[in-house]
Amino acid sequence: MAVTESTMMELGQSAPSFTLPAANPDVDDRGGTQRSLDDYSEAKALVLVFTCNHCPYAQHVEDELIAVAREYQEKGVQFLAICSNDPENYPDDNFENMAARAAAKDYPFPYLQDESQEVAKAYEAACTPDFFVFDEERTLAYRGRFDDTRPDHGEAHGGDLRQALDELLESGTVSMEQKPSMGCNIKWKPGNQPAHV
């Protein structure tokens, strides 16, 4: 398993728009089976996490991510999880298994499939998990790691993401040092690997 760090997309960029199918559309009351960036325009902040089912790094933070999402959604923060892995060569991450995972873990946020991998490219995502936090204007305020733990090295606590959200909600900016996330590389389709990785 090759360990990949996030590319740390430049701060201050606007969130690229997208519309993606949700593996668990019943998680919210938006209706339909697709979710768009604009569906959550009322959120005080938006957390996007590129993740997947099978990566041990994603699995390591999964339960605590769910807890953090439940806590901060009550403060007006919207979470969205996106799986961009090649579903043909990595069937553990196909749409059916995404739906099963979301149901089994009772995800409190939509789990979206980026089968074309265009959204991962637009966000310069590189690994799973890879975190992006956008402010109320959907400007990138934080990108990087969930916390300083790793599989078999500490229990996930979400300290970095929590601090970033606390700073953003309190002052509108994030002043903390931002360190890259680390995990499995996104499983690009053959010939589809972007220049940023």
Foldseek 3Di string as FASTA:
>chain_A
DDKDWALCPDFFDFQDKDKFFFLCVVLDDLDDGIDIPVSLLQAQKEKEWEAFDPWQQLVQCVLLVQVVQVVCVVVRYAYEYEYAAACVVVVCGDSNNNSVVCVVSVRNHTYGYPNVCVSCVVRSTWFHTKMFMAGSSRTTAATAAQDDAGVVGDHRNSVVVVQQVVCCSVPVHGDDDHHIYMTHTRHDDVPGDDPSD
